[in-house]
Each structure stands twice: as structure tokens, then as C-alpha cells.
Amino acid sequence: MNLQKNIKKIARAVLINEAQAIENLTQFIDDDFERCVQEIYSAKGRVVITGVGKSAIIANKIVATLNSTGTPSIFMHAADAIHGDLGMVQKEDIVICISKSGNTSEIKVLVPLLKRRGVKLVALVSNTNSYLSEQADFVLNATIAEEACPHNLAPTTSTTAHVAMGDALAVCLLELRNFSSSDFAEFHPGGSLGKQLYLKVSDIYVHHQLPEVSPDAPLRDVILEISSKRLGCTSVLDGNKILLGIITDGDLRRMLQKGEDLNKIRASEIMTTNPKSIQKDEYAVKALQVMQQNNITQLVVMDGNKVAGFIHLHDLLKEGII
């Protein structure tokens, strides 16, 4: 191993190379790109994406992105296609072939078979003077100056360019479909991302009993209520269940530091009025934002103008929102 190599310098050069290549792609967003997007948007079939080697890996990634943003897509390995998998391609589908050179042997065998089936063919290539480009109905130009590899051989910058062009395609289609955050949540129900998009405060606070005391409750009752409900706080409600304030662990500590007669203290004397609250139908991620902005760990949950319960930072941690 040559320890004299400047590793940080090499890494920075790779990133600069690839960043410049992506920036250069903007000049290739042409009428052909726009027509391709419109064709996919209006298609009755699916998008079938194919390639071999590194291009097959990129194809899988673009398929995943399209599926998650509302464009039904499937992957077909170009080598497997000519050994039976071509049967998955239907006449109303659109096929995107990914290839840096556009001249690989598998692609040259596959393209005539696709055209015989009458499907629209899109070439995502880094060589627009290739066999694939000449045969395609649409060309997505991902030409690069050179690979980040010092020998200009290993697919590095070219694969980055292909991924970026696929992302541009997917986002254009997303916009045309008016694909909303609720649509996104429908396709991403799992994990923290999904929960941020669909989990509501009402899904969480119901797991806790509402801690409550009256404004004239003695300190002993306040402490017992906070301890028994395990939320680190209690609401202070009047006879009509209207919120007057809350008392937190922090309020108790600050009160003890003052050295007052504990037997005389009532809830109304130590409560925080106008506490931060959130409506029960808000998304849980909104509750997290309010907590972070105000440096607090719990929120009063409201059902209109009535107190419904509390949501705690620990609830959001448990749900994986954070």
C-alpha cells in the first residue's frame, strides 16, 4: 500500500468530478427529455428498466424511485430478458435501456426483440452516437467528460450521472401527477419516514391517562398525580374541564428552591399558564417541531377547546419519529 497517496485530495477530486458532471447534465434536458416524460406520464402500461452490470444496479434504483413516487415500474435484467424474461414486457409498456456505451452485446441482441414487440424504447446513455441511441424513440443524454477513476475505466461518474438523470425523470413525473405527501405516505407506511407522514397525535396520546388536578389542589395531590400518570406533568383544570395551566417536574423543582411553606401551596400558585398545546388531529412530527422550537418535552393535546391528554417526547422516540 502506498501511504504517500493523499487520500483526502483523491476523495475531493472524485466528488468534484461527479458534481461537475451532474451540473453539465442540465444542458441535456432537451425536447427529447420532455417528450419522454410526457410519453411515460400518458402511458397505460408500466416502465420497464433494463441494463447489465453496473447499469442493472442503477436500473433497480430508478425502478424503486419511480414506484415510490407514483409511476409503476419493474426491473428486467438485459441478459435474463433474452433467456425468457422478455415475456414480462407488454405492448403498452415503455422500456428504458441503461448503458454507458450503448453498444454492449446484450443490448444489441435485446433491442430488436423489444422493437418487434412494438414498445416505446428510451435510451439512457453516455454515448449518443451508439447503436442504442440510434434505435431508441427517446434519448436521455447522460454524457460525461471522464470517469472519476484515474484510468477512465471503472463506472463511477457515469453511474452517478445515470442515477441523477433517473431522479430528474422521477421528479418530473411526480410533479405531473400532483403526487402529494399523503400519496407518498401511502407508499411508505414503514419506518420513521412513513410515520412522519401519517402518524397523528391522536394515535399516541390515547395510550396515556390524562393527569389532572384542580387549581386549589394541595401540593401533595399534585405530586401524586404527576407520579401516578408518569408523564412528568399534570394539567390544571377548572370545574368545566377548561385548561388553566400545567405543572411540570421543573415547576416543582423551582418551587422547592424558593423555600416556601409546602403545606400552604396550591396548584394555581405554581402552574404555568398558557402552556404550549397541539390539536389531536395534527401530525406527530408537528408535535416534535413544537417541542424542539420551545425546548420542552411535553405538549397538551387539545380536542377543540377541551383538554384531551398529553404527548411526551418519549412517545415520539418510541415511535421512531426522531
C-alpha atoms as a PDB file:
ATOM      1  CA  MET A   1       0.000   0.000   0.000  1.00  0.00           C
ATOM      2  CA  ASN A   2       1.336   3.401  -1.000  1.00  0.00           C
ATOM      3  CA  LEU A   3       0.917   5.506   2.145  1.00  0.00           C
ATOM      4  CA  GLN A   4       2.235   8.576   0.332  1.00  0.00           C
ATOM      5  CA  LYS A   5      -1.051   8.976  -1.546  1.00  0.00           C
ATOM      6  CA  ASN A   6      -3.111  11.972  -0.408  1.00  0.00           C
ATOM      7  CA  ILE A   7      -6.394  10.230   0.374  1.00  0.00           C
ATOM      8  CA  LYS A   8      -8.355  13.402   1.130  1.00  0.00           C
ATOM      9  CA  LYS A   9      -7.177  15.019  -2.089  1.00  0.00           C
ATOM     10  CA  ILE A  10      -8.220  11.968  -4.122  1.00  0.00           C
ATOM     11  CA  ALA A  11     -11.656  11.819  -2.493  1.00  0.00           C
ATOM     12  CA  ARG A  12     -12.275  15.530  -3.082  1.00  0.00           C
ATOM     13  CA  ALA A  13     -11.269  15.187  -6.714  1.00  0.00           C
ATOM     14  CA  VAL A  14     -13.785  12.360  -7.190  1.00  0.00           C
ATOM     15  CA  LEU A  15     -16.602  14.428  -5.697  1.00  0.00           C
ATOM     16  CA  ILE A  16     -15.700  17.489  -7.760  1.00  0.00           C
ATOM     17  CA  ASN A  17     -15.586  15.372 -10.911  1.00  0.00           C
ATOM     18  CA  GLU A  18     -19.014  13.888 -10.255  1.00  0.00           C
ATOM     19  CA  ALA A  19     -20.567  17.187  -9.142  1.00  0.00           C
ATOM     20  CA  GLN A  20     -19.411  18.884 -12.332  1.00  0.00           C
ATOM     21  CA  ALA A  21     -20.742  16.002 -14.414  1.00  0.00           C
ATOM     22  CA  ILE A  22     -24.196  16.336 -12.841  1.00  0.00           C
ATOM     23  CA  GLU A  23     -24.165  20.092 -13.370  1.00  0.00           C
ATOM     24  CA  ASN A  24     -23.293  19.528 -17.024  1.00  0.00           C
ATOM     25  CA  LEU A  25     -26.372  17.317 -17.428  1.00  0.00           C
ATOM     26  CA  THR A  26     -28.591  20.401 -17.292  1.00  0.00           C
ATOM     27  CA  GLN A  27     -27.642  21.206 -20.880  1.00  0.00           C
ATOM     28  CA  PHE A  28     -29.014  17.812 -21.958  1.00  0.00           C
ATOM     29  CA  ILE A  29     -32.520  18.417 -20.599  1.00  0.00           C
ATOM     30  CA  ASP A  30     -33.929  18.968 -24.072  1.00  0.00           C
ATOM     31  CA  ASP A  31     -37.122  18.465 -26.063  1.00  0.00           C
ATOM     32  CA  ASP A  32     -36.454  14.737 -26.255  1.00  0.00           C
ATOM     33  CA  PHE A  33     -36.346  14.555 -22.460  1.00  0.00           C
ATOM     34  CA  GLU A  34     -39.626  16.455 -22.219  1.00  0.00           C
ATOM     35  CA  ARG A  35     -41.331  14.249 -24.812  1.00  0.00           C
ATOM     36  CA  CYS A  36     -40.096  11.165 -22.966  1.00  0.00           C
ATOM     37  CA  VAL A  37     -41.608  12.386 -19.688  1.00  0.00           C
ATOM     38  CA  GLN A  38     -44.917  13.116 -21.397  1.00  0.00           C
ATOM     39  CA  GLU A  39     -44.924   9.678 -23.045  1.00  0.00           C
ATOM     40  CA  ILE A  40     -44.364   7.918 -19.717  1.00  0.00           C
ATOM     41  CA  TYR A  41     -46.947  10.096 -17.982  1.00  0.00           C
ATOM     42  CA  SER A  42     -49.652   9.227 -20.518  1.00  0.00           C
ATOM     43  CA  ALA A  43     -48.685   5.558 -20.907  1.00  0.00           C
ATOM     44  CA  LYS A  44     -51.232   2.912 -19.924  1.00  0.00           C
ATOM     45  CA  GLY A  45     -48.543   0.357 -19.140  1.00  0.00           C
ATOM     46  CA  ARG A  46     -45.550   0.237 -16.833  1.00  0.00           C
ATOM     47  CA  VAL A  47     -41.992   1.449 -17.110  1.00  0.00           C
ATOM     48  CA  VAL A  48     -39.624  -1.485 -17.623  1.00  0.00           C
ATOM     49  CA  ILE A  49     -35.992  -0.583 -16.929  1.00  0.00           C
ATOM     50  CA  THR A  50     -33.153  -2.807 -18.077  1.00  0.00           C
ATOM     51  CA  GLY A  51     -29.371  -2.968 -18.225  1.00  0.00           C
ATOM     52  CA  VAL A  52     -26.387  -5.174 -17.455  1.00  0.00           C
ATOM     53  CA  GLY A  53     -23.547  -4.887 -14.948  1.00  0.00           C
ATOM     54  CA  LYS A  54     -23.468  -1.574 -13.078  1.00  0.00           C
ATOM     55  CA  SER A  55     -26.291  -0.313 -15.290  1.00  0.00           C
ATOM     56  CA  ALA A  56     -28.527  -3.071 -13.926  1.00  0.00           C
ATOM     57  CA  ILE A  57     -27.875  -1.823 -10.398  1.00  0.00           C
ATOM     58  CA  ILE A  58     -28.744   1.727 -11.449  1.00  0.00           C
ATOM     59  CA  ALA A  59     -31.879   0.393 -13.153  1.00  0.00           C
ATOM     60  CA  ASN A  60     -33.028  -1.175  -9.886  1.00  0.00           C
ATOM     61  CA  LYS A  61     -32.543   2.101  -8.055  1.00  0.00           C
ATOM     62  CA  ILE A  62     -34.532   4.096 -10.618  1.00  0.00           C
ATOM     63  CA  VAL A  63     -37.302   1.485 -10.551  1.00  0.00           C
ATOM     64  CA  ALA A  64     -37.530   1.869  -6.774  1.00  0.00           C
ATOM     65  CA  THR A  65     -37.676   5.664  -7.031  1.00  0.00           C
ATOM     66  CA  LEU A  66     -40.373   5.619  -9.712  1.00  0.00           C
ATOM     67  CA  ASN A  67     -42.506   3.114  -7.822  1.00  0.00           C
ATOM     68  CA  SER A  68     -42.311   5.143  -4.627  1.00  0.00           C
ATOM     69  CA  THR A  69     -43.390   8.324  -6.421  1.00  0.00           C
ATOM     70  CA  GLY A  70     -46.392   7.015  -8.320  1.00  0.00           C
ATOM     71  CA  THR A  71     -45.016   5.588 -11.581  1.00  0.00           C
ATOM     72  CA  PRO A  72     -45.446   1.771 -11.747  1.00  0.00           C
ATOM     73  CA  SER A  73     -42.103   0.261 -12.782  1.00  0.00           C
ATOM     74  CA  ILE A  74     -40.321  -3.092 -12.924  1.00  0.00           C
ATOM     75  CA  PHE A  75     -36.723  -4.195 -13.439  1.00  0.00           C
ATOM     76  CA  MET A  76     -35.650  -6.594 -16.168  1.00  0.00           C
ATOM     77  CA  HIS A  77     -32.045  -7.733 -16.457  1.00  0.00           C
ATOM     78  CA  ALA A  78     -30.961  -7.447 -20.075  1.00  0.00           C
ATOM     79  CA  ALA A  79     -29.169 -10.801 -20.032  1.00  0.00           C
ATOM     80  CA  ASP A  80     -32.170 -12.577 -18.494  1.00  0.00           C
ATOM     81  CA  ALA A  81     -34.511 -10.860 -20.950  1.00  0.00           C
ATOM     82  CA  ILE A  82     -33.039 -12.736 -23.891  1.00  0.00           C
ATOM     83  CA  HIS A  83     -33.401 -16.008 -21.962  1.00  0.00           C
ATOM     84  CA  GLY A  84     -37.111 -15.795 -21.180  1.00  0.00           C
ATOM     85  CA  ASP A  85     -37.766 -12.693 -19.072  1.00  0.00           C
ATOM     86  CA  LEU A  86     -38.772 -10.695 -22.139  1.00  0.00           C
ATOM     87  CA  GLY A  87     -42.232 -12.128 -21.539  1.00  0.00           C
ATOM     88  CA  MET A  88     -42.777  -9.597 -18.755  1.00  0.00           C
ATOM     89  CA  VAL A  89     -42.826  -6.751 -21.308  1.00  0.00           C
ATOM     90  CA  GLN A  90     -46.337  -5.863 -22.510  1.00  0.00           C
ATOM     91  CA  LYS A  91     -47.199  -3.832 -25.588  1.00  0.00           C
ATOM     92  CA  GLU A  92     -48.345  -0.776 -23.599  1.00  0.00           C
ATOM     93  CA  ASP A  93     -45.144  -0.687 -21.523  1.00  0.00           C
ATOM     94  CA  ILE A  94     -42.248   1.713 -22.045  1.00  0.00           C
ATOM     95  CA  VAL A  95     -38.746   0.251 -21.814  1.00  0.00           C
ATOM     96  CA  ILE A  96     -35.749   2.265 -20.617  1.00  0.00           C
ATOM     97  CA  CYS A  97     -32.385   0.724 -21.531  1.00  0.00           C
ATOM     98  CA  ILE A  98     -29.454   1.992 -19.464  1.00  0.00           C
ATOM     99  CA  SER A  99     -25.975   1.678 -20.940  1.00  0.00           C
ATOM    100  CA  LYS A 100     -22.896   3.840 -20.767  1.00  0.00           C
ATOM    101  CA  SER A 101     -21.619   2.855 -24.217  1.00  0.00           C
ATOM    102  CA  GLY A 102     -24.931   1.907 -25.788  1.00  0.00           C
ATOM    103  CA  ASN A 103     -23.088  -0.829 -27.653  1.00  0.00           C
ATOM    104  CA  THR A 104     -22.959  -3.807 -25.281  1.00  0.00           C
ATOM    105  CA  SER A 105     -23.668  -7.195 -26.822  1.00  0.00           C
ATOM    106  CA  GLU A 106     -26.703  -7.906 -24.627  1.00  0.00           C
ATOM    107  CA  ILE A 107     -28.296  -4.594 -25.590  1.00  0.00           C
ATOM    108  CA  LYS A 108     -27.682  -5.246 -29.297  1.00  0.00           C
ATOM    109  CA  VAL A 109     -29.497  -8.555 -29.000  1.00  0.00           C
ATOM    110  CA  LEU A 110     -32.311  -7.184 -26.849  1.00  0.00           C
ATOM    111  CA  VAL A 111     -33.203  -4.008 -28.755  1.00  0.00           C
ATOM    112  CA  PRO A 112     -34.528  -5.681 -31.952  1.00  0.00           C
ATOM    113  CA  LEU A 113     -36.654  -8.003 -29.818  1.00  0.00           C
ATOM    114  CA  LEU A 114     -38.154  -5.042 -27.961  1.00  0.00           C
ATOM    115  CA  LYS A 115     -38.893  -3.159 -31.161  1.00  0.00           C
ATOM    116  CA  ARG A 116     -40.568  -6.264 -32.570  1.00  0.00           C
ATOM    117  CA  ARG A 117     -42.959  -6.160 -29.593  1.00  0.00           C
ATOM    118  CA  GLY A 118     -43.913  -2.597 -30.533  1.00  0.00           C
ATOM    119  CA  VAL A 119     -42.971  -0.929 -27.244  1.00  0.00           C
ATOM    120  CA  LYS A 120     -41.560   2.572 -26.927  1.00  0.00           C
ATOM    121  CA  LEU A 121     -37.827   2.471 -26.265  1.00  0.00           C
ATOM    122  CA  VAL A 122     -35.882   5.015 -24.194  1.00  0.00           C
ATOM    123  CA  ALA A 123     -32.074   5.083 -24.190  1.00  0.00           C
ATOM    124  CA  LEU A 124     -30.328   6.389 -21.057  1.00  0.00           C
ATOM    125  CA  VAL A 125     -26.770   6.580 -22.355  1.00  0.00           C
ATOM    126  CA  SER A 126     -23.468   8.373 -22.061  1.00  0.00           C
ATOM    127  CA  ASN A 127     -22.761   7.846 -25.766  1.00  0.00           C
ATOM    128  CA  THR A 128     -25.351   9.359 -28.064  1.00  0.00           C
ATOM    129  CA  ASN A 129     -23.569   8.022 -31.159  1.00  0.00           C
ATOM    130  CA  SER A 130     -24.284   4.450 -30.141  1.00  0.00           C
ATOM    131  CA  TYR A 131     -26.396   1.632 -31.506  1.00  0.00           C
ATOM    132  CA  LEU A 132     -28.868   2.016 -28.641  1.00  0.00           C
ATOM    133  CA  SER A 133     -29.293   5.757 -29.247  1.00  0.00           C
ATOM    134  CA  GLU A 134     -29.932   5.233 -32.934  1.00  0.00           C
ATOM    135  CA  GLN A 135     -32.627   2.640 -32.264  1.00  0.00           C
ATOM    136  CA  ALA A 136     -34.396   4.431 -29.406  1.00  0.00           C
ATOM    137  CA  ASP A 137     -37.560   6.523 -29.654  1.00  0.00           C
ATOM    138  CA  PHE A 138     -36.213   8.863 -26.969  1.00  0.00           C
ATOM    139  CA  VAL A 139     -32.668   9.550 -25.801  1.00  0.00           C
ATOM    140  CA  LEU A 140     -31.816  10.686 -22.274  1.00  0.00           C
ATOM    141  CA  ASN A 141     -28.345  12.085 -22.698  1.00  0.00           C
ATOM    142  CA  ALA A 142     -26.042  11.429 -19.729  1.00  0.00           C
ATOM    143  CA  THR A 143     -22.754  12.184 -21.468  1.00  0.00           C
ATOM    144  CA  ILE A 144     -19.760  12.734 -19.178  1.00  0.00           C
ATOM    145  CA  ALA A 145     -16.268  14.083 -19.834  1.00  0.00           C
ATOM    146  CA  GLU A 146     -14.496  11.276 -17.979  1.00  0.00           C
ATOM    147  CA  GLU A 147     -14.871   8.774 -15.177  1.00  0.00           C
ATOM    148  CA  ALA A 148     -13.585   9.633 -11.715  1.00  0.00           C
ATOM    149  CA  CYS A 149     -11.443   6.508 -11.995  1.00  0.00           C
ATOM    150  CA  PRO A 150      -7.838   7.614 -12.791  1.00  0.00           C
ATOM    151  CA  HIS A 151      -7.779   5.137 -15.673  1.00  0.00           C
ATOM    152  CA  ASN A 152     -11.134   6.374 -17.006  1.00  0.00           C
ATOM    153  CA  LEU A 153     -12.398   2.793 -16.825  1.00  0.00           C
ATOM    154  CA  ALA A 154     -14.390   1.974 -13.675  1.00  0.00           C
ATOM    155  CA  PRO A 155     -18.009   3.194 -13.917  1.00  0.00           C
ATOM    156  CA  THR A 156     -18.091   5.990 -11.353  1.00  0.00           C
ATOM    157  CA  THR A 157     -19.091   9.354 -12.753  1.00  0.00           C
ATOM    158  CA  SER A 158     -21.196   7.718 -15.475  1.00  0.00           C
ATOM    159  CA  THR A 159     -23.279   5.753 -12.974  1.00  0.00           C
ATOM    160  CA  THR A 160     -23.747   8.887 -10.870  1.00  0.00           C
ATOM    161  CA  ALA A 161     -24.956  10.727 -13.964  1.00  0.00           C
ATOM    162  CA  HIS A 162     -27.403   7.944 -14.788  1.00  0.00           C
ATOM    163  CA  VAL A 163     -28.828   7.982 -11.253  1.00  0.00           C
ATOM    164  CA  ALA A 164     -29.205  11.779 -11.402  1.00  0.00           C
ATOM    165  CA  MET A 165     -30.976  11.637 -14.749  1.00  0.00           C
ATOM    166  CA  GLY A 166     -33.302   8.974 -13.354  1.00  0.00           C
ATOM    167  CA  ASP A 167     -34.080  11.215 -10.386  1.00  0.00           C
ATOM    168  CA  ALA A 168     -34.850  14.112 -12.741  1.00  0.00           C
ATOM    169  CA  LEU A 169     -37.217  11.855 -14.674  1.00  0.00           C
ATOM    170  CA  ALA A 170     -38.957  10.647 -11.498  1.00  0.00           C
ATOM    171  CA  VAL A 171     -39.449  14.116 -10.035  1.00  0.00           C
ATOM    172  CA  CYS A 172     -40.864  15.456 -13.304  1.00  0.00           C
ATOM    173  CA  LEU A 173     -43.403  12.627 -13.301  1.00  0.00           C
ATOM    174  CA  LEU A 174     -44.146  13.215  -9.622  1.00  0.00           C
ATOM    175  CA  GLU A 175     -44.931  16.851 -10.370  1.00  0.00           C
ATOM    176  CA  LEU A 176     -47.138  15.991 -13.350  1.00  0.00           C
ATOM    177  CA  ARG A 177     -49.120  13.552 -11.204  1.00  0.00           C
ATOM    178  CA  ASN A 178     -49.535  16.132  -8.404  1.00  0.00           C
ATOM    179  CA  PHE A 179     -48.125  13.445  -6.134  1.00  0.00           C
ATOM    180  CA  SER A 180     -48.729  14.698  -2.584  1.00  0.00           C
ATOM    181  CA  SER A 181     -47.166  13.935   0.791  1.00  0.00           C
ATOM    182  CA  SER A 182     -50.250  11.851   1.645  1.00  0.00           C
ATOM    183  CA  ASP A 183     -49.687   9.823  -1.543  1.00  0.00           C
ATOM    184  CA  PHE A 184     -46.079   9.382  -0.515  1.00  0.00           C
ATOM    185  CA  ALA A 185     -47.149   8.192   2.932  1.00  0.00           C
ATOM    186  CA  GLU A 186     -49.432   5.588   1.348  1.00  0.00           C
ATOM    187  CA  PHE A 187     -46.418   4.052  -0.408  1.00  0.00           C
ATOM    188  CA  HIS A 188     -44.079   4.429   2.607  1.00  0.00           C
ATOM    189  CA  PRO A 189     -46.036   3.185   5.642  1.00  0.00           C
ATOM    190  CA  GLY A 190     -42.993   1.682   7.355  1.00  0.00           C
ATOM    191  CA  GLY A 191     -40.061   3.245   9.177  1.00  0.00           C
ATOM    192  CA  SER A 192     -39.581   6.734  10.544  1.00  0.00           C
ATOM    193  CA  LEU A 193     -40.215   8.387   7.170  1.00  0.00           C
ATOM    194  CA  GLY A 194     -43.618   6.775   6.859  1.00  0.00           C
ATOM    195  CA  LYS A 195     -44.580   7.648  10.410  1.00  0.00           C
ATOM    196  CA  GLN A 196     -43.675  11.281   9.875  1.00  0.00           C
ATOM    197  CA  LEU A 197     -46.140  11.328   7.005  1.00  0.00           C
ATOM    198  CA  TYR A 198     -49.125   9.531   8.542  1.00  0.00           C
ATOM    199  CA  LEU A 199     -48.820   9.188  12.345  1.00  0.00           C
ATOM    200  CA  LYS A 200     -51.019  11.683  14.170  1.00  0.00           C
ATOM    201  CA  VAL A 201     -51.046  12.970  17.726  1.00  0.00           C
ATOM    202  CA  SER A 202     -54.367  11.179  18.227  1.00  0.00           C
ATOM    203  CA  ASP A 203     -52.621   7.858  17.576  1.00  0.00           C
ATOM    204  CA  ILE A 204     -50.291   8.439  20.524  1.00  0.00           C
ATOM    205  CA  TYR A 205     -51.832  10.406  23.377  1.00  0.00           C
ATOM    206  CA  VAL A 206     -54.659   7.872  23.893  1.00  0.00           C
ATOM    207  CA  HIS A 207     -52.145   5.450  25.435  1.00  0.00           C
ATOM    208  CA  HIS A 208     -51.846   7.717  28.484  1.00  0.00           C
ATOM    209  CA  GLN A 209     -54.299   8.633  31.206  1.00  0.00           C
ATOM    210  CA  LEU A 210     -54.914  12.348  31.484  1.00  0.00           C
ATOM    211  CA  PRO A 211     -53.194  13.764  34.586  1.00  0.00           C
ATOM    212  CA  GLU A 212     -55.371  16.497  36.087  1.00  0.00           C
ATOM    213  CA  VAL A 213     -55.791  18.461  39.294  1.00  0.00           C
ATOM    214  CA  SER A 214     -57.999  21.332  40.351  1.00  0.00           C
ATOM    215  CA  PRO A 215     -56.495  24.816  40.842  1.00  0.00           C
ATOM    216  CA  ASP A 216     -56.896  24.559  44.642  1.00  0.00           C
ATOM    217  CA  ALA A 217     -55.305  21.098  44.871  1.00  0.00           C
ATOM    218  CA  PRO A 218     -52.603  20.889  47.579  1.00  0.00           C
ATOM    219  CA  LEU A 219     -49.000  20.183  46.651  1.00  0.00           C
ATOM    220  CA  ARG A 220     -49.248  16.570  47.854  1.00  0.00           C
ATOM    221  CA  ASP A 221     -52.051  15.841  45.372  1.00  0.00           C
ATOM    222  CA  VAL A 222     -50.106  17.493  42.566  1.00  0.00           C
ATOM    223  CA  ILE A 223     -47.042  15.331  43.226  1.00  0.00           C
ATOM    224  CA  LEU A 224     -49.103  12.141  43.463  1.00  0.00           C
ATOM    225  CA  GLU A 225     -50.886  12.901  40.183  1.00  0.00           C
ATOM    226  CA  ILE A 226     -47.643  13.601  38.331  1.00  0.00           C
ATOM    227  CA  SER A 227     -46.059  10.430  39.744  1.00  0.00           C
ATOM    228  CA  SER A 228     -49.010   8.137  39.076  1.00  0.00           C
ATOM    229  CA  LYS A 229     -49.571   9.203  35.453  1.00  0.00           C
ATOM    230  CA  ARG A 230     -45.835   9.063  34.609  1.00  0.00           C
ATOM    231  CA  LEU A 231     -45.774  11.971  32.152  1.00  0.00           C
ATOM    232  CA  GLY A 232     -43.711  14.388  34.230  1.00  0.00           C
ATOM    233  CA  CYS A 233     -46.579  16.855  34.384  1.00  0.00           C
ATOM    234  CA  THR A 234     -50.244  17.407  35.140  1.00  0.00           C
ATOM    235  CA  SER A 235     -52.919  19.660  33.753  1.00  0.00           C
ATOM    236  CA  VAL A 236     -54.766  22.122  35.973  1.00  0.00           C
ATOM    237  CA  LEU A 237     -58.458  22.178  35.048  1.00  0.00           C
ATOM    238  CA  ASP A 238     -61.418  24.126  36.343  1.00  0.00           C
ATOM    239  CA  GLY A 239     -64.810  22.587  37.149  1.00  0.00           C
ATOM    240  CA  ASN A 240     -65.768  22.637  33.437  1.00  0.00           C
ATOM    241  CA  LYS A 241     -62.587  20.809  32.388  1.00  0.00           C
ATOM    242  CA  ILE A 242     -61.180  24.016  30.860  1.00  0.00           C
ATOM    243  CA  LEU A 243     -57.386  24.230  30.858  1.00  0.00           C
ATOM    244  CA  LEU A 244     -55.967  26.780  33.274  1.00  0.00           C
ATOM    245  CA  GLY A 245     -52.342  25.681  33.114  1.00  0.00           C
ATOM    246  CA  ILE A 246     -49.920  22.799  33.637  1.00  0.00           C
ATOM    247  CA  ILE A 247     -47.429  21.850  36.332  1.00  0.00           C
ATOM    248  CA  THR A 248     -44.243  20.036  35.356  1.00  0.00           C
ATOM    249  CA  ASP A 249     -41.420  18.399  37.278  1.00  0.00           C
ATOM    250  CA  GLY A 250     -39.432  21.543  36.552  1.00  0.00           C
ATOM    251  CA  ASP A 251     -42.091  23.733  38.153  1.00  0.00           C
ATOM    252  CA  LEU A 252     -41.885  21.602  41.307  1.00  0.00           C
ATOM    253  CA  ARG A 253     -38.093  21.898  41.490  1.00  0.00           C
ATOM    254  CA  ARG A 254     -38.197  25.652  41.047  1.00  0.00           C
ATOM    255  CA  MET A 255     -40.866  25.926  43.747  1.00  0.00           C
ATOM    256  CA  LEU A 256     -38.771  23.883  46.216  1.00  0.00           C
ATOM    257  CA  GLN A 257     -35.785  26.173  45.641  1.00  0.00           C
ATOM    258  CA  LYS A 258     -37.827  29.130  46.920  1.00  0.00           C
ATOM    259  CA  GLY A 259     -38.143  27.571  50.392  1.00  0.00           C
ATOM    260  CA  GLU A 260     -41.856  28.315  50.791  1.00  0.00           C
ATOM    261  CA  ASP A 261     -44.221  26.561  53.226  1.00  0.00           C
ATOM    262  CA  LEU A 262     -45.136  23.423  51.276  1.00  0.00           C
ATOM    263  CA  ASN A 263     -48.335  22.850  53.265  1.00  0.00           C
ATOM    264  CA  LYS A 264     -49.840  26.090  52.021  1.00  0.00           C
ATOM    265  CA  ILE A 265     -49.023  25.820  48.328  1.00  0.00           C
ATOM    266  CA  ARG A 266     -51.859  25.197  45.885  1.00  0.00           C
ATOM    267  CA  ALA A 267     -51.711  24.131  42.241  1.00  0.00           C
ATOM    268  CA  SER A 268     -52.765  27.528  40.907  1.00  0.00           C
ATOM    269  CA  GLU A 269     -49.730  29.141  42.550  1.00  0.00           C
ATOM    270  CA  ILE A 270     -47.115  27.086  40.740  1.00  0.00           C
ATOM    271  CA  MET A 271     -48.770  26.250  37.419  1.00  0.00           C
ATOM    272  CA  THR A 272     -47.586  27.588  34.086  1.00  0.00           C
ATOM    273  CA  THR A 273     -50.424  29.407  32.356  1.00  0.00           C
ATOM    274  CA  ASN A 274     -50.915  29.376  28.570  1.00  0.00           C
ATOM    275  CA  PRO A 275     -48.887  26.189  28.044  1.00  0.00           C
ATOM    276  CA  LYS A 276     -47.906  25.032  24.585  1.00  0.00           C
ATOM    277  CA  SER A 277     -50.538  22.778  23.056  1.00  0.00           C
ATOM    278  CA  ILE A 278     -51.404  20.937  19.879  1.00  0.00           C
ATOM    279  CA  GLN A 279     -54.674  19.742  18.377  1.00  0.00           C
ATOM    280  CA  LYS A 280     -55.166  15.976  18.396  1.00  0.00           C
ATOM    281  CA  ASP A 281     -55.564  15.771  14.597  1.00  0.00           C
ATOM    282  CA  GLU A 282     -52.128  17.277  13.907  1.00  0.00           C
ATOM    283  CA  TYR A 283     -49.307  15.043  12.677  1.00  0.00           C
ATOM    284  CA  ALA A 284     -46.952  13.739  15.336  1.00  0.00           C
ATOM    285  CA  VAL A 285     -43.984  15.263  13.540  1.00  0.00           C
ATOM    286  CA  LYS A 286     -45.584  18.693  14.101  1.00  0.00           C
ATOM    287  CA  ALA A 287     -45.620  17.960  17.833  1.00  0.00           C
ATOM    288  CA  LEU A 288     -41.898  17.225  17.652  1.00  0.00           C
ATOM    289  CA  GLN A 289     -41.255  20.519  15.874  1.00  0.00           C
ATOM    290  CA  VAL A 290     -43.141  22.486  18.547  1.00  0.00           C
ATOM    291  CA  MET A 291     -41.214  20.726  21.326  1.00  0.00           C
ATOM    292  CA  GLN A 292     -37.875  21.417  19.655  1.00  0.00           C
ATOM    293  CA  GLN A 293     -38.701  25.061  18.969  1.00  0.00           C
ATOM    294  CA  ASN A 294     -39.705  25.662  22.587  1.00  0.00           C
ATOM    295  CA  ASN A 295     -37.171  23.345  24.271  1.00  0.00           C
ATOM    296  CA  ILE A 296     -39.883  21.365  26.088  1.00  0.00           C
ATOM    297  CA  THR A 297     -40.614  17.659  26.457  1.00  0.00           C
ATOM    298  CA  GLN A 298     -44.416  17.537  26.547  1.00  0.00           C
ATOM    299  CA  LEU A 299     -47.420  19.176  24.928  1.00  0.00           C
ATOM    300  CA  VAL A 300     -51.023  19.466  25.984  1.00  0.00           C
ATOM    301  CA  VAL A 301     -53.239  17.736  23.437  1.00  0.00           C
ATOM    302  CA  MET A 302     -56.457  19.594  22.706  1.00  0.00           C
ATOM    303  CA  ASP A 303     -59.741  18.427  21.212  1.00  0.00           C
ATOM    304  CA  GLY A 304     -61.080  21.785  20.121  1.00  0.00           C
ATOM    305  CA  ASN A 305     -61.035  23.859  23.318  1.00  0.00           C
ATOM    306  CA  LYS A 306     -61.102  20.837  25.629  1.00  0.00           C
ATOM    307  CA  VAL A 307     -58.057  19.058  27.046  1.00  0.00           C
ATOM    308  CA  ALA A 308     -57.719  15.544  25.617  1.00  0.00           C
ATOM    309  CA  GLY A 309     -54.372  14.459  27.032  1.00  0.00           C
ATOM    310  CA  PHE A 310     -50.613  14.870  26.739  1.00  0.00           C
ATOM    311  CA  ILE A 311     -47.958  13.821  24.254  1.00  0.00           C
ATOM    312  CA  HIS A 312     -44.402  13.374  25.520  1.00  0.00           C
ATOM    313  CA  LEU A 313     -41.054  13.455  23.750  1.00  0.00           C
ATOM    314  CA  HIS A 314     -40.503   9.849  24.862  1.00  0.00           C
ATOM    315  CA  ASP A 315     -43.600   8.848  22.873  1.00  0.00           C
ATOM    316  CA  LEU A 316     -42.039  10.247  19.714  1.00  0.00           C
ATOM    317  CA  LEU A 317     -38.755   8.492  20.449  1.00  0.00           C
ATOM    318  CA  LYS A 318     -40.599   5.226  20.965  1.00  0.00           C
ATOM    319  CA  GLU A 319     -42.474   5.610  17.672  1.00  0.00           C
ATOM    320  CA  GLY A 320     -39.252   6.305  15.785  1.00  0.00           C
ATOM    321  CA  ILE A 321     -40.249   9.823  14.725  1.00  0.00           C
ATOM    322  CA  ILE A 322     -36.859  11.101  15.882  1.00  0.00           C
END
